[in-house]
């Protein structure tokens, strides 16, 4: 082995080790809590492992009825393996996502390894490094639900599509992995048909040459066969539960404002073009990518944008060089990804979503890396020195934001305290707890997760009609009753006349309500910044009835 090759392998190994550290360090405790989507994933994997059925008693579902959203199934089934090895825990629920995050680093390396735009030797290593330290990549690699897994499988398909344009025998693998990725995340269900169809048009010269035609046809056949379960779901309400993300109401409002100025056959398309283009361009906006946090604080670390602020310079340089060399196949390929990937995002109501737009991470990292290569080529050692310094500064910002601030400042939005509330309930099996669901995320699944509730008990608490009409009964009801808990809204006219503990957040029960109904605070759970997450009040029906002269009909039952 040549010394240069050995050095490259060592450097790649160091980048992979860094990515492993950033994705697995304190994985079970940072983020600090268990988000409900993670609880659904982990517990359903646990249920599948023990019974072969999900929380509703459905045997090996094609899509999981998570709060009526019907999430693609692959990540849950993958998590079954982690739960089998490590047991049901926060770590096992996040394990597969973190592992695939490391695989993503390797994919970026090989993507650039076989590019034909720059011959800069260490460009693939730089790309792998930038991906490994990207806040966007790290954040979702440490989230225990399907979004990162779907992104990596999609990226694997994209890698084989690129390699297949160079070596046509690999094209079937490209369409196979692209098709499989539709079972990895919601957005891929819509992106993959668009991507596959447009790739046949954009690369028709390469894909339908005499030598390539049979491999392209074979890949499309395999892709279609893989889609048979999705085609079945397509005929049910379960497939399009995210349809409400489209901004139809916004378009209707705009149409009412310009009513009479233009005929409807012109005003509607113009309004649609306006909203579509605004959202489309947001995913290339330097403000959104390099300066601002995600609008949803649950999807970012404090003070961190998807990329570091200094990466805006190589980003712009990369765009310039890619469009400058657009006749080169690799540039054409990246331009294709940049043009197609934002299309489904531009049809959703959120102006910018780092979670839904995670697949944009791949082409954007490639663009930034190409820009770095251009800067190294032009400015040499000075550019490399700045790169090293800025990378070290970025690592400090990352450490402070993600591993110091996030566990404190964002604990509440990540479901902090559900484990402590579960333990409180488990320790008092003879007391009935009513968990308010008007303001609190669905508690039943958090309780099932942390108490390791027998799957049969949860399955038996669900009506049979849900299992019988699994893919058509999409209405979710967070009211459950099992063991010593009830999860529902507080019914003030009844609940204060039963001996039980009412649980809510800091706004569920006011001090005046507690005094009026003779409730006694028995516990409160606070997050790391000392904000109340949960508070429990014990009822006193006897005193309530005595003080109100037994005026309520429920007093007669005491």
Protein backbone atom coordinates (compact mmCIF):
# COMPACT_ATOMS: atom_id res chain seq x y z
CA UNK A 1 0.00 0.00 0.00
CA UNK A 2 1.33 3.42 -0.97
CA UNK A 3 2.03 5.87 1.86
CA UNK A 4 -0.43 8.39 0.42
CA UNK A 5 -3.21 5.79 0.32
CA UNK A 6 -2.44 4.69 3.89
CA UNK A 7 -2.56 8.32 5.06
CA UNK A 8 -5.96 8.81 3.41
CA UNK A 9 -7.35 5.69 5.10
CA UNK A 10 -6.04 6.85 8.49
CA UNK A 11 -7.59 10.30 8.04
CA UNK A 12 -10.91 8.77 6.97
CA UNK A 13 -10.82 6.50 10.04
CA UNK A 14 -10.26 9.57 12.25
CA UNK A 15 -13.22 11.36 10.64
CA UNK A 16 -15.40 8.28 11.20
CA UNK A 17 -14.27 8.05 14.84
CA UNK A 18 -15.14 11.73 15.29
CA UNK A 19 -18.58 11.14 13.78
CA UNK A 20 -19.12 8.13 16.06
CA UNK A 21 -18.23 10.22 19.09
CA UNK A 22 -20.50 13.12 18.12
CA UNK A 23 -23.44 10.78 17.48
CA UNK A 24 -23.09 8.34 20.38
CA UNK A 25 -21.69 10.42 23.25
CA UNK A 26 -24.38 10.49 25.96
CA UNK A 27 -26.92 9.35 23.37
CA UNK A 28 -29.29 8.08 26.07
CA UNK A 29 -29.37 11.40 27.93
CA UNK A 30 -28.88 14.09 25.25
CA UNK A 31 -31.40 15.24 24.11
CA UNK A 32 -32.58 15.30 27.69
CA UNK A 33 -35.91 13.53 27.66
CA UNK A 34 -37.87 11.26 25.35
CA UNK A 35 -39.90 12.91 22.61
CA UNK A 36 -43.29 11.27 21.97
CA UNK A 37 -42.25 10.21 18.45
CA UNK A 38 -39.30 8.37 20.00
CA UNK A 39 -41.53 6.74 22.60
CA UNK A 40 -43.84 5.51 19.85
CA UNK A 41 -40.91 4.06 17.91
CA UNK A 42 -39.23 2.39 20.86
CA UNK A 43 -42.34 0.93 22.44
CA UNK A 44 -43.76 -0.37 19.17
CA UNK A 45 -40.41 -2.03 18.42
CA UNK A 46 -40.63 -3.59 21.90
CA UNK A 47 -44.20 -4.73 21.18
CA UNK A 48 -43.23 -6.21 17.80
CA UNK A 49 -40.32 -8.02 19.41
CA UNK A 50 -42.49 -9.66 22.08
CA UNK A 51 -45.76 -10.22 20.23
CA UNK A 52 -45.23 -9.55 16.52
CA UNK A 53 -47.93 -6.88 16.84
CA UNK A 54 -47.91 -3.12 17.35
CA UNK A 55 -49.58 -1.20 20.19
CA UNK A 56 -53.02 -1.68 18.58
CA UNK A 57 -52.57 -5.43 18.08
CA UNK A 58 -51.91 -5.16 14.33
CA UNK A 59 -49.58 -7.89 13.07
CA UNK A 60 -46.50 -6.47 11.31
CA UNK A 61 -48.18 -3.35 9.87
CA UNK A 62 -47.15 -1.78 6.55
CA UNK A 63 -47.27 1.63 8.23
CA UNK A 64 -47.52 2.35 11.94
CA UNK A 65 -50.60 4.20 13.18
CA UNK A 66 -48.65 6.72 15.24
CA UNK A 67 -51.26 9.19 16.52
CA UNK A 68 -53.06 8.61 13.21
CA UNK A 69 -50.07 9.72 11.10
CA UNK A 70 -49.12 6.25 9.76
CA UNK A 71 -45.35 6.47 9.80
CA UNK A 72 -43.30 4.39 7.33
CA UNK A 73 -42.29 1.10 8.98
CA UNK A 74 -38.59 0.44 8.33
CA UNK A 75 -37.13 2.33 11.27
CA UNK A 76 -39.41 0.61 13.78
CA UNK A 77 -38.45 -2.83 12.45
CA UNK A 78 -34.77 -1.84 12.53
CA UNK A 79 -35.18 -0.68 16.13
CA UNK A 80 -36.49 -4.15 17.04
CA UNK A 81 -32.91 -5.40 16.61
CA UNK A 82 -31.50 -2.67 18.86
CA UNK A 83 -34.16 -3.33 21.52
CA UNK A 84 -33.36 -7.04 21.35
CA UNK A 85 -29.67 -6.33 21.96
CA UNK A 86 -29.82 -3.45 24.45
CA UNK A 87 -33.32 -3.76 25.91
CA UNK A 88 -36.01 -1.08 25.74
CA UNK A 89 -34.33 2.24 26.53
CA UNK A 90 -33.76 5.71 25.15
CA UNK A 91 -30.34 4.57 23.92
CA UNK A 92 -31.70 1.58 21.98
CA UNK A 93 -34.43 3.74 20.42
CA UNK A 94 -31.85 6.23 19.14
CA UNK A 95 -29.15 3.69 18.32
CA UNK A 96 -30.07 2.91 14.71
CA UNK A 97 -30.49 6.57 13.81
CA UNK A 98 -27.03 7.36 15.20
CA UNK A 99 -25.48 4.36 13.43
CA UNK A 100 -26.95 5.44 10.09
CA UNK A 101 -25.65 8.94 10.76
CA UNK A 102 -22.14 7.48 10.76
CA UNK A 103 -22.91 5.63 7.52
CA UNK A 104 -23.89 8.99 6.03
CA UNK A 105 -20.33 10.23 6.57
CA UNK A 106 -18.99 7.30 4.54
CA UNK A 107 -21.56 7.90 1.77
CA UNK A 108 -20.46 11.52 1.39
CA UNK A 109 -16.84 10.37 1.18
CA UNK A 110 -17.53 7.94 -1.66
CA UNK A 111 -19.83 10.40 -3.40
CA UNK A 112 -16.97 12.88 -3.69
CA UNK A 113 -14.39 10.16 -4.25
CA UNK A 114 -15.98 9.42 -7.59
CA UNK A 115 -16.78 12.99 -8.59
CA UNK A 116 -15.19 14.42 -11.72
CA UNK A 117 -15.33 18.14 -10.95
CA UNK A 118 -12.19 18.62 -8.84
CA UNK A 119 -9.13 16.41 -8.70
CA UNK A 120 -8.17 17.78 -5.27
CA UNK A 121 -6.92 14.66 -3.45
CA UNK A 122 -8.41 15.30 -0.02
CA UNK A 123 -11.76 16.71 -1.16
CA UNK A 124 -13.68 13.52 -0.18
CA UNK A 125 -12.17 13.68 3.31
CA UNK A 126 -13.14 17.34 3.65
CA UNK A 127 -16.71 16.52 2.60
CA UNK A 128 -16.90 13.63 5.07
CA UNK A 129 -15.52 15.89 7.81
CA UNK A 130 -17.98 18.71 7.07
CA UNK A 131 -20.86 16.25 7.16
CA UNK A 132 -19.61 14.69 10.41
CA UNK A 133 -19.58 18.06 12.26
CA UNK A 134 -22.67 19.57 10.61
CA UNK A 135 -25.24 20.57 13.28
CA UNK A 136 -28.00 19.51 10.88
CA UNK A 137 -26.59 16.01 10.47
CA UNK A 138 -25.72 15.53 14.15
CA UNK A 139 -29.05 16.73 15.48
CA UNK A 140 -31.23 14.29 13.55
CA UNK A 141 -28.73 11.44 13.90
CA UNK A 142 -29.42 11.61 17.64
CA UNK A 143 -33.23 11.60 17.29
CA UNK A 144 -34.85 8.20 17.77
CA UNK A 145 -37.40 8.27 14.99
CA UNK A 146 -37.40 7.60 11.27
CA UNK A 147 -36.31 10.88 9.66
CA UNK A 148 -32.52 10.30 9.61
CA UNK A 149 -32.84 6.66 8.55
CA UNK A 150 -35.03 7.66 5.60
CA UNK A 151 -32.50 10.33 4.63
CA UNK A 152 -29.54 7.93 4.64
CA UNK A 153 -31.32 5.24 2.60
CA UNK A 154 -32.31 7.96 0.12
CA UNK A 155 -28.68 9.12 0.01
CA UNK A 156 -27.56 5.55 -0.66
CA UNK A 157 -29.92 5.46 -3.64
CA UNK A 158 -28.58 8.82 -4.84
CA UNK A 159 -24.99 7.55 -4.53
CA UNK A 160 -25.78 4.48 -6.65
CA UNK A 161 -27.62 6.67 -9.16
CA UNK A 162 -24.47 8.75 -9.57
CA UNK A 163 -22.23 5.68 -9.75
CA UNK A 164 -24.69 4.10 -12.17
CA UNK A 165 -24.30 7.01 -14.58
CA UNK A 166 -20.60 6.09 -14.66
CA UNK A 167 -21.03 2.31 -14.55
CA UNK A 168 -24.48 1.48 -15.84
CA UNK A 169 -24.70 -1.98 -14.21
CA UNK A 170 -25.24 -0.21 -10.87
CA UNK A 171 -28.43 1.54 -11.99
CA UNK A 172 -30.78 -1.22 -10.70
CA UNK A 173 -29.31 -0.75 -7.20
CA UNK A 174 -30.03 2.97 -7.45
CA UNK A 175 -33.74 2.53 -8.13
CA UNK A 176 -34.01 -0.29 -5.58
CA UNK A 177 -32.62 1.87 -2.75
CA UNK A 178 -34.59 4.92 -3.86
CA UNK A 179 -37.77 2.84 -3.80
CA UNK A 180 -36.92 1.36 -0.40
CA UNK A 181 -36.34 4.85 1.03
CA UNK A 182 -40.06 5.59 0.61
CA UNK A 183 -40.57 3.24 3.57
CA UNK A 184 -38.10 5.28 5.59
CA UNK A 185 -39.84 8.66 5.98
CA UNK A 186 -43.07 10.43 5.08
CA UNK A 187 -41.60 12.92 2.64
CA UNK A 188 -39.82 10.22 0.62
CA UNK A 189 -43.20 8.80 -0.37
CA UNK A 190 -43.74 11.95 -2.44
CA UNK A 191 -40.16 12.80 -3.35
CA UNK A 192 -39.17 9.43 -4.82
CA UNK A 193 -41.78 9.29 -7.64
CA UNK A 194 -40.85 12.86 -8.62
CA UNK A 195 -37.12 12.12 -8.43
CA UNK A 196 -37.35 8.84 -10.35
CA UNK A 197 -39.52 10.26 -13.12
CA UNK A 198 -37.41 13.39 -13.63
CA UNK A 199 -34.14 11.41 -13.54
CA UNK A 200 -35.37 9.44 -16.58
CA UNK A 201 -35.89 12.72 -18.43
CA UNK A 202 -32.84 14.64 -17.19
CA UNK A 203 -30.42 11.73 -17.78
CA UNK A 204 -32.22 10.10 -20.71
CA UNK A 205 -29.02 10.07 -22.79
CA UNK A 206 -27.16 8.07 -20.12
CA UNK A 207 -30.06 5.90 -18.91
CA UNK A 208 -31.54 4.96 -22.26
CA UNK A 209 -28.42 4.33 -24.29
CA UNK A 210 -28.25 0.98 -26.03
CA UNK A 211 -26.02 -0.48 -23.29
CA UNK A 212 -27.98 1.05 -20.40
CA UNK A 213 -31.60 0.54 -21.41
CA UNK A 214 -32.01 -2.99 -20.04
CA UNK A 215 -30.40 -2.09 -16.69
CA UNK A 216 -32.60 0.98 -16.34
CA UNK A 217 -35.69 -1.10 -17.18
CA UNK A 218 -34.66 -3.79 -14.68
CA UNK A 219 -34.18 -1.17 -11.95
CA UNK A 220 -37.59 0.36 -12.61
CA UNK A 221 -39.25 -3.06 -12.47
CA UNK A 222 -37.65 -3.81 -9.11
CA UNK A 223 -38.61 -0.34 -7.86
CA UNK A 224 -42.23 -0.90 -8.90
CA UNK A 225 -42.40 -4.30 -7.18
CA UNK A 226 -41.04 -2.76 -3.98
CA UNK A 227 -43.82 -0.16 -4.15
CA UNK A 228 -46.67 -2.72 -4.06
CA UNK A 229 -47.28 -2.23 -0.29
CA UNK A 230 -47.33 1.54 -0.82
CA UNK A 231 -49.75 1.13 -3.73
CA UNK A 232 -52.03 -0.79 -1.38
CA UNK A 233 -51.78 1.99 1.22
CA UNK A 234 -52.37 4.57 -1.49
CA UNK A 235 -55.93 3.26 -1.77
CA UNK A 236 -56.54 3.95 1.94
CA UNK A 237 -56.72 7.15 4.03
CA UNK A 238 -53.52 6.05 5.78
CA UNK A 239 -51.30 7.08 2.86
CA UNK A 240 -52.03 10.80 2.80
CA UNK A 241 -52.43 11.75 6.46
CA UNK A 242 -49.97 14.60 5.90
CA UNK A 243 -52.16 16.15 3.20
CA UNK A 244 -53.18 18.94 5.57
CA UNK A 245 -49.64 20.36 5.31
CA UNK A 246 -50.53 21.90 1.96
CA UNK A 247 -51.29 25.63 2.26
CA UNK A 248 -54.76 25.58 0.69
CA UNK A 249 -56.20 27.89 3.38
CA UNK A 250 -53.50 30.47 2.68
CA UNK A 251 -54.27 30.36 -1.04
CA UNK A 252 -57.97 30.79 -0.31
CA UNK A 253 -57.22 33.86 1.82
CA UNK A 254 -55.09 35.38 -0.93
CA UNK A 255 -57.78 34.71 -3.51
CA UNK A 256 -60.37 36.50 -1.39
CA UNK A 257 -58.10 39.58 -1.24
CA UNK A 258 -57.68 39.82 -5.01
CA UNK A 259 -61.23 38.74 -5.81
CA UNK A 260 -62.51 40.77 -8.75
CA UNK A 261 -59.08 41.95 -9.87
CA UNK A 262 -58.24 38.82 -11.84
CA UNK A 263 -60.30 35.87 -13.07
CA UNK A 264 -59.92 32.76 -10.90
CA UNK A 265 -58.22 30.73 -13.63
CA UNK A 266 -55.35 33.27 -13.41
CA UNK A 267 -55.42 34.27 -9.74
CA UNK A 268 -55.16 30.74 -8.32
CA UNK A 269 -52.08 29.70 -10.39
CA UNK A 270 -50.40 33.03 -9.65
CA UNK A 271 -51.02 32.65 -5.90
CA UNK A 272 -49.74 29.07 -6.02
CA UNK A 273 -46.60 30.12 -7.92
CA UNK A 274 -45.96 32.88 -5.38
CA UNK A 275 -46.19 30.57 -2.35
CA UNK A 276 -44.34 27.73 -4.06
CA UNK A 277 -41.41 29.86 -5.17
CA UNK A 278 -41.11 31.58 -1.78
CA UNK A 279 -40.81 28.25 0.05
CA UNK A 280 -38.64 26.72 -2.66
CA UNK A 281 -36.06 29.51 -2.44
CA UNK A 282 -36.05 29.43 1.38
CA UNK A 283 -34.06 26.17 1.24
CA UNK A 284 -31.25 28.07 -0.49
CA UNK A 285 -31.47 31.13 1.73
CA UNK A 286 -28.20 31.96 3.57
CA UNK A 287 -30.31 33.25 6.50
CA UNK A 288 -32.15 29.95 6.89
CA UNK A 289 -29.09 27.75 6.33
CA UNK A 290 -26.28 29.66 8.06
CA UNK A 291 -27.72 32.23 10.48
CA UNK A 292 -31.08 31.20 11.97
CA UNK A 293 -32.24 28.33 14.15
CA UNK A 294 -35.11 26.19 12.94
CA UNK A 295 -38.43 27.97 13.70
CA UNK A 296 -39.42 24.92 15.78
CA UNK A 297 -37.16 24.90 18.85
CA UNK A 298 -37.56 21.12 19.18
CA UNK A 299 -35.63 20.72 15.90
CA UNK A 300 -32.45 22.61 16.69
CA UNK A 301 -29.88 23.27 19.39
CA UNK A 302 -29.69 26.72 21.03
CA UNK A 303 -27.90 29.23 18.82
CA UNK A 304 -27.11 26.76 16.03
CA UNK A 305 -28.32 27.04 12.46
CA UNK A 306 -28.27 23.98 10.14
CA UNK A 307 -24.74 24.93 9.03
CA UNK A 308 -22.05 27.10 10.65
CA UNK A 309 -22.09 30.77 9.65
CA UNK A 310 -18.69 30.70 7.90
CA UNK A 311 -19.83 27.98 5.49
CA UNK A 312 -21.81 30.58 3.55
CA UNK A 313 -18.61 31.55 1.72
CA UNK A 314 -17.77 28.06 0.38
CA UNK A 315 -21.49 27.56 -0.28
CA UNK A 316 -21.59 30.54 -2.65
CA UNK A 317 -18.25 29.55 -4.16
CA UNK A 318 -19.54 26.02 -4.66
CA UNK A 319 -22.71 27.19 -6.41
CA UNK A 320 -20.61 29.38 -8.69
CA UNK A 321 -18.26 26.56 -9.65
CA UNK A 322 -20.99 23.99 -10.17
CA UNK A 323 -22.97 26.22 -12.50
CA UNK A 324 -19.77 27.36 -14.20
CA UNK A 325 -18.88 23.73 -14.97
CA UNK A 326 -22.46 22.65 -15.65
CA UNK A 327 -21.43 20.68 -18.74
CA UNK A 328 -19.51 18.24 -16.53
CA UNK A 329 -21.67 15.26 -15.57
CA UNK A 330 -21.08 15.61 -11.81
CA UNK A 331 -22.13 19.27 -11.90
CA UNK A 332 -25.24 18.34 -13.88
CA UNK A 333 -26.04 15.69 -11.28
CA UNK A 334 -25.75 18.08 -8.32
CA UNK A 335 -27.79 20.71 -10.17
CA UNK A 336 -30.45 18.04 -10.74
CA UNK A 337 -30.59 17.29 -7.00
CA UNK A 338 -30.71 20.98 -6.09
CA UNK A 339 -33.59 21.57 -8.50
CA UNK A 340 -35.68 18.51 -7.56
CA UNK A 341 -35.19 18.08 -3.80
CA UNK A 342 -37.04 21.26 -2.69
CA UNK A 343 -40.16 20.51 -4.80
CA UNK A 344 -42.22 18.62 -2.15
CA UNK A 345 -40.97 21.03 0.53
CA UNK A 346 -42.33 23.98 -1.41
CA UNK A 347 -45.81 22.44 -1.21
CA UNK A 348 -45.96 22.48 2.60
CA UNK A 349 -47.13 25.30 4.83
CA UNK A 350 -43.94 25.65 6.90
CA UNK A 351 -41.59 28.25 5.38
CA UNK A 352 -38.53 26.24 6.48
CA UNK A 353 -38.27 22.89 8.24
CA UNK A 354 -34.88 21.33 8.92
CA UNK A 355 -36.62 18.04 9.73
CA UNK A 356 -38.78 17.77 6.63
CA UNK A 357 -35.96 19.17 4.49
CA UNK A 358 -33.23 16.91 5.85
CA UNK A 359 -32.61 15.36 2.42
CA UNK A 360 -31.35 18.79 1.27
CA UNK A 361 -28.34 18.20 3.52
CA UNK A 362 -26.67 15.89 0.97
CA UNK A 363 -26.47 18.22 -2.07
CA UNK A 364 -25.78 21.25 0.13
CA UNK A 365 -22.81 19.55 1.85
CA UNK A 366 -21.50 18.59 -1.60
CA UNK A 367 -21.85 22.20 -2.78
CA UNK A 368 -20.04 23.52 0.32
CA UNK A 369 -17.27 20.96 -0.16
CA UNK A 370 -16.85 21.91 -3.82
CA UNK A 371 -16.62 25.53 -2.70
CA UNK A 372 -13.91 24.60 -0.18
CA UNK A 373 -12.00 22.86 -2.96
CA UNK A 374 -12.23 25.96 -5.14
CA UNK A 375 -10.97 28.16 -2.28
CA UNK A 376 -8.08 25.81 -1.55
CA UNK A 377 -7.16 25.80 -5.22
CA UNK A 378 -7.15 29.60 -5.39
CA UNK A 379 -5.76 30.60 -1.99
CA UNK A 380 -3.74 27.52 -1.01
CA UNK A 381 -2.39 27.28 2.53
CA UNK A 382 -4.12 30.48 3.72
CA UNK A 383 -7.55 29.01 2.92
CA UNK A 384 -6.59 25.74 4.59
CA UNK A 385 -5.41 27.60 7.73
CA UNK A 386 -8.72 29.47 7.93
CA UNK A 387 -10.54 26.16 7.44
CA UNK A 388 -8.72 24.59 10.40
CA UNK A 389 -9.27 27.59 12.68
CA UNK A 390 -12.96 27.95 11.80
CA UNK A 391 -13.52 24.22 12.19
CA UNK A 392 -12.08 24.32 15.72
CA UNK A 393 -14.23 27.34 16.60
CA UNK A 394 -17.27 25.56 15.17
CA UNK A 395 -16.55 22.49 17.28
CA UNK A 396 -16.50 24.67 20.41
CA UNK A 397 -19.83 26.26 19.42
CA UNK A 398 -21.26 22.82 18.72
CA UNK A 399 -20.13 21.42 22.06
CA UNK A 400 -21.47 24.38 24.00
CA UNK A 401 -24.80 24.45 22.20
CA UNK A 402 -25.60 20.76 21.87
CA UNK A 403 -23.89 19.11 24.83
CA UNK A 404 -24.12 21.94 27.41
CA UNK A 405 -27.09 24.20 26.64
CA UNK A 406 -29.54 21.84 24.89
CA UNK A 407 -29.93 19.39 27.84
CA UNK A 408 -31.03 22.33 29.99
CA UNK A 409 -32.79 24.81 27.73
CA UNK A 410 -34.63 22.34 25.48
CA UNK A 411 -35.39 19.56 27.98
CA UNK A 412 -39.05 20.51 28.23
CA UNK A 413 -39.75 20.30 24.49
CA UNK A 414 -37.99 16.92 24.34
CA UNK A 415 -40.33 15.30 26.85
CA UNK A 416 -38.31 15.72 30.02
CA UNK A 417 -40.03 14.40 33.14
CA UNK A 418 -42.19 11.67 31.61
CA UNK A 419 -39.91 9.06 33.19
CA UNK A 420 -40.27 10.69 36.61
CA UNK A 421 -44.05 10.94 36.27
CA UNK A 422 -44.19 7.28 35.26
CA UNK A 423 -42.13 6.32 38.32
CA UNK A 424 -44.48 8.34 40.56
CA UNK A 425 -47.46 6.39 39.21
CA UNK A 426 -45.75 3.00 39.35
CA UNK A 427 -44.77 3.63 43.00
CA UNK A 428 -48.43 4.22 43.95
CA UNK A 429 -50.41 1.44 42.24
CA UNK A 430 -53.49 1.90 44.46
CA UNK A 431 -53.98 5.55 43.54
CA UNK A 432 -55.79 6.58 40.36
CA UNK A 433 -54.06 9.25 38.26
CA UNK A 434 -55.89 11.37 35.68
CA UNK A 435 -53.37 12.81 33.20
CA UNK A 436 -54.69 15.91 31.46
CA UNK A 437 -54.38 15.67 27.66
CA UNK A 438 -55.53 19.15 26.74
CA UNK A 439 -52.02 20.59 27.00
CA UNK A 440 -49.71 17.60 27.55
CA UNK A 441 -48.38 15.39 24.76
CA UNK A 442 -50.05 11.92 24.70
CA UNK A 443 -48.91 10.31 27.94
CA UNK A 444 -50.06 6.74 27.43
CA UNK A 445 -47.11 5.85 25.17
CA UNK A 446 -44.54 7.48 27.48
CA UNK A 447 -45.96 5.50 30.42
CA UNK A 448 -45.90 2.29 28.38
CA UNK A 449 -42.28 2.96 27.37
CA UNK A 450 -40.84 3.83 30.77
CA UNK A 451 -42.84 1.23 32.70
CA UNK A 452 -42.10 -1.42 30.03
CA UNK A 453 -45.82 -2.15 30.07
CA UNK A 454 -46.78 -5.58 28.78
CA UNK A 455 -47.80 -5.07 25.13
CA UNK A 456 -50.86 -7.28 25.65
CA UNK A 457 -52.17 -4.87 28.31
CA UNK A 458 -51.92 -1.87 25.99
CA UNK A 459 -53.34 -3.84 23.04
CA UNK A 460 -56.32 -4.92 25.16
CA UNK A 461 -57.06 -1.31 26.16
CA UNK A 462 -57.76 -0.41 22.53
CA UNK A 463 -61.10 -1.04 20.86
CA UNK A 464 -61.20 -3.86 18.32
CA UNK A 465 -62.50 -1.55 15.61
CA UNK A 466 -59.09 0.13 15.31
CA UNK A 467 -57.33 -3.14 14.52
CA UNK A 468 -60.10 -4.23 12.13
CA UNK A 469 -60.04 -0.87 10.29
CA UNK A 470 -56.36 -0.17 10.86
CA UNK A 471 -55.62 1.77 7.66
CA UNK A 472 -58.96 3.56 7.42
CA UNK A 473 -59.65 4.61 11.02
CA UNK A 474 -57.24 7.56 11.06
CA UNK A 475 -58.85 9.57 13.87
CA UNK A 476 -56.62 9.48 16.96
CA UNK A 477 -58.05 9.65 20.47
CA UNK A 478 -55.55 10.24 23.28
CA UNK A 479 -57.98 8.99 25.96
CA UNK A 480 -56.78 5.72 27.49
CA UNK A 481 -57.62 3.80 30.65
CA UNK A 482 -55.40 1.02 31.93
CA UNK A 483 -53.57 0.07 35.12
CA UNK A 484 -54.11 2.99 37.52
CA UNK A 485 -54.12 5.82 34.96
CA UNK A 486 -56.61 7.63 32.77
CA UNK A 487 -55.35 9.93 30.02
CA UNK A 488 -57.98 12.49 29.00
CA UNK A 489 -59.09 16.03 29.64
CA UNK A 490 -59.98 16.93 33.23
CA UNK A 491 -63.76 16.79 33.76
CA UNK A 492 -64.21 19.30 36.56
CA UNK A 493 -67.86 18.51 37.22
CA UNK A 494 -66.96 14.87 38.00
CA UNK A 495 -63.28 14.44 38.78
CA UNK A 496 -63.20 16.54 41.94
CA UNK A 497 -65.71 14.15 43.53
CA UNK A 498 -63.46 11.10 43.14
CA UNK A 499 -60.41 10.25 45.21
CA UNK A 500 -57.59 10.53 42.70
CA UNK A 501 -54.69 12.69 41.61
CA UNK A 502 -55.13 15.16 38.77
CA UNK A 503 -51.93 15.72 36.77
CA UNK A 504 -51.22 18.58 34.38
CA UNK A 505 -48.63 21.21 33.56
CA UNK A 506 -48.20 24.57 35.30
CA UNK A 507 -51.30 26.04 33.59
CA UNK A 508 -53.71 23.10 33.81
CA UNK A 509 -54.81 23.84 37.38
CA UNK A 510 -54.60 27.38 38.75
CA UNK A 511 -54.19 28.27 42.42
CA UNK A 512 -57.76 29.59 42.51
CA UNK A 513 -59.10 26.30 41.10
CA UNK A 514 -57.08 24.35 43.64
CA UNK A 515 -58.56 26.43 46.49
CA UNK A 516 -62.08 26.33 45.10
CA UNK A 517 -62.08 22.53 44.76
CA UNK A 518 -59.97 21.75 47.87
CA UNK A 519 -57.11 20.22 45.89
CA UNK A 520 -53.79 19.55 47.58
CA UNK A 521 -50.55 19.66 45.67
CA UNK A 522 -48.77 16.34 46.26
CA UNK A 523 -45.89 16.54 43.80
CA UNK A 524 -44.34 18.63 41.10
CA UNK A 525 -41.70 17.74 38.52
CA UNK A 526 -39.37 20.47 37.28
CA UNK A 527 -36.99 20.56 34.35
CA UNK A 528 -33.25 21.45 34.61
CA UNK A 529 -33.99 25.19 34.42
CA UNK A 530 -36.49 24.80 37.28
CA UNK A 531 -39.65 25.24 35.23
CA UNK A 532 -42.63 23.10 36.19
CA UNK A 533 -43.21 20.26 33.74
CA UNK A 534 -45.85 18.30 35.67
CA UNK A 535 -47.78 18.96 38.84
CA UNK A 536 -50.13 16.61 40.68
CA UNK A 537 -53.12 17.62 42.86
CA UNK A 538 -54.94 15.20 45.14
CA UNK A 539 -58.69 15.59 45.27
CA UNK A 540 -60.67 15.74 48.53
CA UNK A 541 -64.27 14.85 47.59
CA UNK A 542 -65.43 14.60 51.20
CA UNK A 543 -64.40 18.14 52.10
CA UNK A 544 -65.70 19.44 48.76
CA UNK A 545 -69.12 17.95 49.40
CA UNK A 546 -69.27 19.12 53.01
CA UNK A 547 -68.31 22.70 52.10
CA UNK A 548 -70.87 22.83 49.27
CA UNK A 549 -73.71 21.22 51.23
CA UNK A 550 -73.70 18.16 48.96
CA UNK A 551 -75.15 20.21 46.12
CA UNK A 552 -73.57 18.05 43.41
CA UNK A 553 -75.29 14.82 42.40
CA UNK A 554 -71.85 13.15 42.54
CA UNK A 555 -71.69 13.77 46.31
CA UNK A 556 -74.44 11.19 46.82
CA UNK A 557 -72.14 8.50 45.45
CA UNK A 558 -69.47 9.13 48.07
